[in-house]
PDB file of N, CA and C in Angstrom:
ATOM      1  N   MET A   1      31.910  22.593  52.254  1.00  0.00           N
ATOM      2  CA  MET A   1      33.313  22.275  52.273  1.00  0.00           C
ATOM      3  C   MET A   1      34.075  23.580  52.428  1.00  0.00           C
ATOM      4  N   ASN A   2      34.984  23.579  53.346  1.00  0.00           N
ATOM      5  CA  ASN A   2      35.894  24.715  53.503  1.00  0.00           C
ATOM      6  C   ASN A   2      37.277  24.261  53.094  1.00  0.00           C
ATOM      7  N   LEU A   3      37.969  25.122  52.422  1.00  0.00           N
ATOM      8  CA  LEU A   3      39.282  24.765  51.904  1.00  0.00           C
ATOM      9  C   LEU A   3      40.234  25.924  52.123  1.00  0.00           C
ATOM     10  N   ASN A   4      41.363  25.645  52.738  1.00  0.00           N
ATOM     11  CA  ASN A   4      42.392  26.666  52.930  1.00  0.00           C
ATOM     12  C   ASN A   4      43.361  26.600  51.760  1.00  0.00           C
ATOM     13  N   VAL A   5      43.342  27.641  50.953  1.00  0.00           N
ATOM     14  CA  VAL A   5      44.191  27.712  49.761  1.00  0.00           C
ATOM     15  C   VAL A   5      45.137  28.898  49.929  1.00  0.00           C
ATOM     16  N   PRO A   6      46.414  28.691  49.647  1.00  0.00           N
ATOM     17  CA  PRO A   6      47.339  29.824  49.722  1.00  0.00           C
ATOM     18  C   PRO A   6      46.837  30.992  48.856  1.00  0.00           C
ATOM     19  N   PHE A   7      47.027  32.186  49.364  1.00  0.00           N
ATOM     20  CA  PHE A   7      46.547  33.407  48.714  1.00  0.00           C
ATOM     21  C   PHE A   7      46.969  33.485  47.248  1.00  0.00           C
ATOM     22  N   GLU A   8      48.239  33.192  46.979  1.00  0.00           N
ATOM     23  CA  GLU A   8      48.761  33.296  45.609  1.00  0.00           C
ATOM     24  C   GLU A   8      48.092  32.283  44.683  1.00  0.00           C
ATOM     25  N   LEU A   9      47.872  31.066  45.179  1.00  0.00           N
ATOM     26  CA  LEU A   9      47.219  30.032  44.375  1.00  0.00           C
ATOM     27  C   LEU A   9      45.769  30.407  44.089  1.00  0.00           C
ATOM     28  N   HIS A  10      45.083  30.924  45.095  1.00  0.00           N
ATOM     29  CA  HIS A  10      43.698  31.378  44.927  1.00  0.00           C
ATOM     30  C   HIS A  10      43.616  32.449  43.846  1.00  0.00           C
ATOM     31  N   ASN A  11      44.477  33.443  43.945  1.00  0.00           N
ATOM     32  CA  ASN A  11      44.454  34.530  42.964  1.00  0.00           C
ATOM     33  C   ASN A  11      44.798  34.045  41.562  1.00  0.00           C
ATOM     34  N   ALA A  12      45.752  33.126  41.449  1.00  0.00           N
ATOM     35  CA  ALA A  12      46.125  32.593  40.135  1.00  0.00           C
ATOM     36  C   ALA A  12      44.972  31.796  39.533  1.00  0.00           C
ATOM     37  N   PHE A  13      44.294  30.993  40.340  1.00  0.00           N
ATOM     38  CA  PHE A  13      43.149  30.215  39.856  1.00  0.00           C
ATOM     39  C   PHE A  13      42.002  31.134  39.460  1.00  0.00           C
ATOM     40  N   LYS A  14      41.754  32.142  40.266  1.00  0.00           N
ATOM     41  CA  LYS A  14      40.697  33.114  39.973  1.00  0.00           C
ATOM     42  C   LYS A  14      40.977  33.821  38.652  1.00  0.00           C
ATOM     43  N   ALA A  15      42.215  34.244  38.441  1.00  0.00           N
ATOM     44  CA  ALA A  15      42.583  34.932  37.202  1.00  0.00           C
ATOM     45  C   ALA A  15      42.474  33.999  36.001  1.00  0.00           C
ATOM     46  N   ALA A  16      42.926  32.753  36.161  1.00  0.00           N
ATOM     47  CA  ALA A  16      42.889  31.794  35.050  1.00  0.00           C
ATOM     48  C   ALA A  16      41.458  31.470  34.640  1.00  0.00           C
ATOM     49  N   THR A  17      40.574  31.285  35.617  1.00  0.00           N
ATOM     50  CA  THR A  17      39.187  30.977  35.268  1.00  0.00           C
ATOM     51  C   THR A  17      38.492  32.201  34.677  1.00  0.00           C
ATOM     52  N   ALA A  18      38.736  33.361  35.235  1.00  0.00           N
ATOM     53  CA  ALA A  18      38.118  34.588  34.722  1.00  0.00           C
ATOM     54  C   ALA A  18      38.563  34.872  33.292  1.00  0.00           C
ATOM     55  N   ALA A  19      39.826  34.611  32.988  1.00  0.00           N
ATOM     56  CA  ALA A  19      40.351  34.859  31.639  1.00  0.00           C
ATOM     57  C   ALA A  19      39.646  33.990  30.602  1.00  0.00           C
ATOM     58  N   ARG A  20      39.068  32.884  31.051  1.00  0.00           N
ATOM     59  CA  ARG A  20      38.370  31.981  30.145  1.00  0.00           C
ATOM     60  C   ARG A  20      36.851  32.123  30.254  1.00  0.00           C
ATOM     61  N   GLY A  21      36.400  33.107  31.001  1.00  0.00           N
ATOM     62  CA  GLY A  21      34.965  33.328  31.163  1.00  0.00           C
ATOM     63  C   GLY A  21      34.296  32.261  32.025  1.00  0.00           C
ATOM     64  N   GLN A  22      35.075  31.612  32.883  1.00  0.00           N
ATOM     65  CA  GLN A  22      34.552  30.558  33.751  1.00  0.00           C
ATOM     66  C   GLN A  22      34.507  31.083  35.182  1.00  0.00           C
ATOM     67  N   ASN A  23      33.845  30.318  36.048  1.00  0.00           N
ATOM     68  CA  ASN A  23      33.920  30.708  37.452  1.00  0.00           C
ATOM     69  C   ASN A  23      34.564  29.590  38.260  1.00  0.00           C
ATOM     70  N   MET A  24      35.179  29.964  39.349  1.00  0.00           N
ATOM     71  CA  MET A  24      35.982  29.035  40.139  1.00  0.00           C
ATOM     72  C   MET A  24      35.155  27.866  40.668  1.00  0.00           C
ATOM     73  N   THR A  25      33.967  28.133  41.163  1.00  0.00           N
ATOM     74  CA  THR A  25      33.135  27.070  41.730  1.00  0.00           C
ATOM     75  C   THR A  25      32.796  26.018  40.688  1.00  0.00           C
ATOM     76  N   ASP A  26      32.366  26.457  39.512  1.00  0.00           N
ATOM     77  CA  ASP A  26      32.014  25.502  38.457  1.00  0.00           C
ATOM     78  C   ASP A  26      33.207  24.635  38.072  1.00  0.00           C
ATOM     79  N   GLU A  27      34.380  25.230  37.973  1.00  0.00           N
ATOM     80  CA  GLU A  27      35.576  24.475  37.590  1.00  0.00           C
ATOM     81  C   GLU A  27      35.994  23.497  38.687  1.00  0.00           C
ATOM     82  N   LEU A  28      35.877  23.898  39.935  1.00  0.00           N
ATOM     83  CA  LEU A  28      36.195  22.978  41.034  1.00  0.00           C
ATOM     84  C   LEU A  28      35.213  21.814  41.075  1.00  0.00           C
ATOM     85  N   LEU A  29      33.936  22.082  40.844  1.00  0.00           N
ATOM     86  CA  LEU A  29      32.947  21.005  40.823  1.00  0.00           C
ATOM     87  C   LEU A  29      33.217  20.026  39.686  1.00  0.00           C
ATOM     88  N   LYS A  30      33.601  20.535  38.513  1.00  0.00           N
ATOM     89  CA  LYS A  30      33.959  19.647  37.396  1.00  0.00           C
ATOM     90  C   LYS A  30      35.134  18.762  37.777  1.00  0.00           C
ATOM     91  N   PHE A  31      36.135  19.353  38.413  1.00  0.00           N
ATOM     92  CA  PHE A  31      37.300  18.581  38.834  1.00  0.00           C
ATOM     93  C   PHE A  31      36.906  17.489  39.828  1.00  0.00           C
ATOM     94  N   ILE A  32      36.108  17.845  40.830  1.00  0.00           N
ATOM     95  CA  ILE A  32      35.714  16.882  41.858  1.00  0.00           C
ATOM     96  C   ILE A  32      34.919  15.732  41.241  1.00  0.00           C
ATOM     97  N   LYS A  33      33.964  16.048  40.376  1.00  0.00           N
ATOM     98  CA  LYS A  33      33.167  15.003  39.727  1.00  0.00           C
ATOM     99  C   LYS A  33      34.041  14.099  38.867  1.00  0.00           C
ATOM    100  N   GLY A  34      34.972  14.680  38.130  1.00  0.00           N
ATOM    101  CA  GLY A  34      35.890  13.890  37.312  1.00  0.00           C
ATOM    102  C   GLY A  34      36.770  12.997  38.159  1.00  0.00           C
ATOM    103  N   TYR A  35      37.238  13.508  39.264  1.00  0.00           N
ATOM    104  CA  TYR A  35      38.086  12.734  40.178  1.00  0.00           C
ATOM    105  C   TYR A  35      37.317  11.540  40.727  1.00  0.00           C
ATOM    106  N   ILE A  36      36.083  11.776  41.129  1.00  0.00           N
ATOM    107  CA  ILE A  36      35.248  10.698  41.663  1.00  0.00           C
ATOM    108  C   ILE A  36      35.021   9.632  40.596  1.00  0.00           C
ATOM    109  N   THR A  37      34.686  10.055  39.393  1.00  0.00           N
ATOM    110  CA  THR A  37      34.462   9.113  38.300  1.00  0.00           C
ATOM    111  C   THR A  37      35.712   8.279  38.032  1.00  0.00           C
ATOM    112  N   LYS A  38      36.850   8.925  38.004  1.00  0.00           N
ATOM    113  CA  LYS A  38      38.102   8.242  37.690  1.00  0.00           C
ATOM    114  C   LYS A  38      38.549   7.304  38.803  1.00  0.00           C
ATOM    115  N   HIS A  39      38.334   7.679  40.043  1.00  0.00           N
ATOM    116  CA  HIS A  39      38.915   6.947  41.159  1.00  0.00           C
ATOM    117  C   HIS A  39      37.938   6.094  41.962  1.00  0.00           C
ATOM    118  N   SER A  40      36.665   6.120  41.630  1.00  0.00           N
ATOM    119  CA  SER A  40      35.700   5.279  42.340  1.00  0.00           C
ATOM    120  C   SER A  40      35.660   3.910  41.683  1.00  0.00           C
ATOM    121  N   SER A  41      35.606   2.889  42.510  1.00  0.00           N
ATOM    122  CA  SER A  41      35.492   1.553  41.936  1.00  0.00           C
ATOM    123  C   SER A  41      34.027   1.279  41.641  1.00  0.00           C
ATOM    124  N   LYS A  42      33.813   0.564  40.568  1.00  0.00           N
ATOM    125  CA  LYS A  42      32.450   0.197  40.211  1.00  0.00           C
ATOM    126  C   LYS A  42      32.044  -0.994  41.068  1.00  0.00           C
ATOM    127  N   PRO A  43      30.794  -1.015  41.509  1.00  0.00           N
ATOM    128  CA  PRO A  43      30.351  -2.164  42.306  1.00  0.00           C
ATOM    129  C   PRO A  43      30.447  -3.448  41.478  1.00  0.00           C
ATOM    130  N   LYS A  44      30.951  -4.491  42.101  1.00  0.00           N
ATOM    131  CA  LYS A  44      31.069  -5.769  41.402  1.00  0.00           C
ATOM    132  C   LYS A  44      29.729  -6.483  41.444  1.00  0.00           C
ATOM    133  N   ARG A  45      29.384  -7.132  40.327  1.00  0.00           N
ATOM    134  CA  ARG A  45      28.133  -7.874  40.253  1.00  0.00           C
ATOM    135  C   ARG A  45      28.349  -9.259  40.844  1.00  0.00           C
ATOM    136  N   ARG A  46      27.376  -9.700  41.562  1.00  0.00           N
ATOM    137  CA  ARG A  46      27.438 -11.038  42.148  1.00  0.00           C
ATOM    138  C   ARG A  46      26.921 -12.045  41.139  1.00  0.00           C
ATOM    139  N   ARG A  47      27.630 -13.129  41.017  1.00  0.00           N
ATOM    140  CA  ARG A  47      27.171 -14.207  40.130  1.00  0.00           C
ATOM    141  C   ARG A  47      26.234 -15.117  40.899  1.00  0.00           C
ATOM    142  N   ARG A  48      25.298 -15.680  40.178  1.00  0.00           N
ATOM    143  CA  ARG A  48      24.347 -16.602  40.815  1.00  0.00           C
ATOM    144  C   ARG A  48      24.738 -18.019  40.573  1.00  0.00           C
TER     145      ARG A  48
END
C-alpha cells in the first residue's frame, strides 16, 4: 500500500508515535484492523 500523506501530518504522526515508544507501521496496522472489525458486516447464517 502506498499512501500520500502531507509532510506536516507525517512528521506529527512520527513524533507522536516516537514519544510513546511506538512505531508508525504498528500503529497504522492496529488502526486498519480495528476499522475492518468495526465496519465489516458479519456473514448472515442461513436458516434451514
